[in-house]
Amino acid sequence: MDFDEFTGTVQHRLELAGTGQTLRAIRAALLPLGERLPAGHAEDLAASLPMEIKWYMTGGVHEHGQRFDWPEYLTLVSDISGADRADAAYHARVVVDLVHEVVPESDFQQLRDELPESKEDWGNLFEVVDAGGWHEHS
């Protein structure tokens, strides 16, 4: 999947008005994930993404391996995107679902293994994936 297809898919699924808003949503979802993951895991996950999108998880990250929980992640996503927390959570779930469609299952599983999943925590990030993906909801 190339950059235009990735961003176009996100824009369509989130029903966003423009490319700028779409790129903010993608960056907001992926940059904090890149910060949360160890550098090698972020590289693995991002390897199959378009180069411009990969950068959000790798080159744009100042420090990998940070420890923060789901509420802190949502705050970061909201701050970066300018969206309220509910929209930020939905945007992140949709972006992560598209990442799931694009990357090898082993790399996506590595992401899941890095994030503690409980009902109140990181499991929220995978709600669309766990529900069968976007195509099940469209």
Protein backbone atom coordinates (compact mmCIF):
# COMPACT_ATOMS: atom_id res chain seq x y z
CA MET A 1 0.00 0.00 0.00
CA ASP A 2 1.46 3.35 -0.97
CA PHE A 3 1.16 6.70 0.81
CA ASP A 4 -1.81 7.97 -1.20
CA GLU A 5 -3.78 4.76 -0.73
CA PHE A 6 -3.01 4.65 3.00
CA THR A 7 -3.99 8.28 3.63
CA GLY A 8 -7.01 8.02 1.32
CA THR A 9 -8.23 4.95 3.17
CA VAL A 10 -7.88 6.67 6.54
CA GLN A 11 -9.57 9.82 5.22
CA HIS A 12 -12.50 7.78 3.88
CA ARG A 13 -12.91 5.64 7.00
CA LEU A 14 -12.74 8.61 9.36
CA GLU A 15 -14.79 10.81 7.03
CA LEU A 16 -12.29 13.64 7.35
CA ALA A 17 -12.49 16.74 5.17
CA GLY A 18 -8.91 17.03 4.00
CA THR A 19 -5.44 15.57 3.75
CA GLY A 20 -4.03 17.78 6.51
CA GLN A 21 -6.61 16.60 9.00
CA THR A 22 -6.01 13.00 7.88
CA LEU A 23 -2.25 13.25 8.31
CA ARG A 24 -2.71 14.76 11.79
CA ALA A 25 -4.92 11.80 12.75
CA ILE A 26 -2.38 9.28 11.42
CA ARG A 27 0.54 11.06 13.07
CA ALA A 28 -1.37 11.39 16.33
CA ALA A 29 -2.11 7.65 16.43
CA LEU A 30 1.31 6.39 15.38
CA LEU A 31 3.86 8.79 16.90
CA PRO A 32 2.93 7.93 20.52
CA LEU A 33 2.92 4.22 19.62
CA GLY A 34 6.44 4.65 18.27
CA GLU A 35 7.38 6.33 21.54
CA ARG A 36 5.80 3.52 23.56
CA LEU A 37 7.47 0.66 21.69
CA PRO A 38 11.15 -0.31 21.88
CA ALA A 39 12.97 1.00 18.79
CA GLY A 40 13.35 -2.43 17.17
CA HIS A 41 9.67 -3.25 17.57
CA ALA A 42 8.62 0.12 16.17
CA GLU A 43 10.92 -0.49 13.18
CA ASP A 44 9.45 -3.97 12.65
CA LEU A 45 5.87 -2.72 12.81
CA ALA A 46 6.53 0.27 10.58
CA ALA A 47 8.61 -1.61 7.98
CA SER A 48 5.57 -2.49 5.84
CA LEU A 49 4.01 0.97 6.03
CA PRO A 50 4.56 3.66 3.38
CA MET A 51 7.85 5.47 4.01
CA GLU A 52 6.12 8.75 4.91
CA ILE A 53 3.88 6.96 7.43
CA LYS A 54 6.72 4.80 8.78
CA TRP A 55 8.53 7.99 9.79
CA TYR A 56 5.87 8.74 12.41
CA MET A 57 6.86 5.59 14.32
CA THR A 58 10.60 5.75 13.73
CA GLY A 59 12.35 8.93 12.56
CA GLY A 60 9.86 11.26 14.22
CA VAL A 61 10.30 9.63 17.63
CA HIS A 62 12.75 11.25 20.06
CA GLU A 63 12.71 8.44 22.64
CA HIS A 64 11.44 4.89 22.18
CA GLY A 65 10.41 2.56 25.00
CA GLN A 66 8.55 5.11 27.09
CA ARG A 67 6.10 3.72 29.61
CA PHE A 68 2.63 5.22 29.58
CA ASP A 69 -0.84 3.77 29.78
CA TRP A 70 -3.94 3.99 27.60
CA PRO A 71 -5.29 7.22 29.20
CA GLU A 72 -1.91 8.92 28.71
CA TYR A 73 -1.81 7.66 25.12
CA LEU A 74 -5.25 9.18 24.50
CA THR A 75 -4.07 12.49 25.90
CA LEU A 76 -1.10 12.45 23.52
CA VAL A 77 -3.30 11.51 20.55
CA SER A 78 -5.79 14.23 21.44
CA ASP A 79 -3.06 16.85 21.89
CA ILE A 80 -1.36 16.01 18.58
CA SER A 81 -4.56 15.76 16.53
CA GLY A 82 -6.50 18.57 18.17
CA ALA A 83 -9.47 16.19 18.51
CA ASP A 84 -11.38 15.54 21.71
CA ARG A 85 -10.54 12.30 23.55
CA ALA A 86 -13.50 10.33 22.16
CA ASP A 87 -12.64 11.25 18.56
CA ALA A 88 -8.94 10.69 19.24
CA ALA A 89 -9.67 7.18 20.55
CA TYR A 90 -11.81 6.35 17.50
CA HIS A 91 -9.21 7.74 15.09
CA ALA A 92 -6.46 5.71 16.76
CA ARG A 93 -8.54 2.51 16.58
CA VAL A 94 -9.25 3.02 12.87
CA VAL A 95 -5.61 3.82 12.04
CA VAL A 96 -4.41 0.78 14.00
CA ASP A 97 -6.94 -1.39 12.18
CA LEU A 98 -5.50 -0.25 8.83
CA VAL A 99 -1.98 -0.92 10.14
CA HIS A 100 -3.23 -4.42 11.03
CA GLU A 101 -4.36 -4.89 7.41
CA VAL A 102 -1.00 -3.77 6.01
CA VAL A 103 1.68 -5.32 8.25
CA PRO A 104 2.55 -8.99 8.73
CA GLU A 105 0.59 -10.67 11.53
CA SER A 106 3.80 -11.44 13.45
CA ASP A 107 4.72 -7.74 13.58
CA PHE A 108 1.22 -6.77 14.66
CA GLN A 109 1.27 -9.46 17.35
CA GLN A 110 4.52 -7.95 18.61
CA LEU A 111 2.64 -4.65 19.07
CA ARG A 112 -0.09 -6.40 21.02
CA ASP A 113 2.46 -8.21 23.16
CA GLU A 114 4.11 -4.91 24.09
CA LEU A 115 0.88 -3.31 25.32
CA PRO A 116 -0.84 -4.72 28.41
CA GLU A 117 -4.40 -5.53 27.43
CA SER A 118 -7.04 -5.25 30.06
CA LYS A 119 -10.60 -4.04 29.70
CA GLU A 120 -9.61 -0.56 30.92
CA ASP A 121 -6.28 -0.29 29.17
CA TRP A 122 -4.58 -0.97 25.83
CA GLY A 123 -7.18 -3.52 24.77
CA ASN A 124 -9.28 -0.47 23.83
CA LEU A 125 -6.85 0.30 21.02
CA PHE A 126 -7.68 -3.00 19.30
CA GLU A 127 -11.49 -2.78 19.45
CA VAL A 128 -11.95 -2.43 15.68
CA VAL A 129 -9.39 -5.16 14.94
CA ASP A 130 -10.98 -7.49 17.49
CA ALA A 131 -14.45 -6.83 16.08
CA GLY A 132 -13.32 -8.18 12.71
CA GLY A 133 -11.87 -5.04 11.20
CA TRP A 134 -13.27 -2.07 9.36
CA HIS A 135 -14.94 -4.07 6.59
CA GLU A 136 -17.24 -5.63 9.14
CA HIS A 137 -18.48 -2.18 10.18
CA SER A 138 -18.74 -0.38 6.87
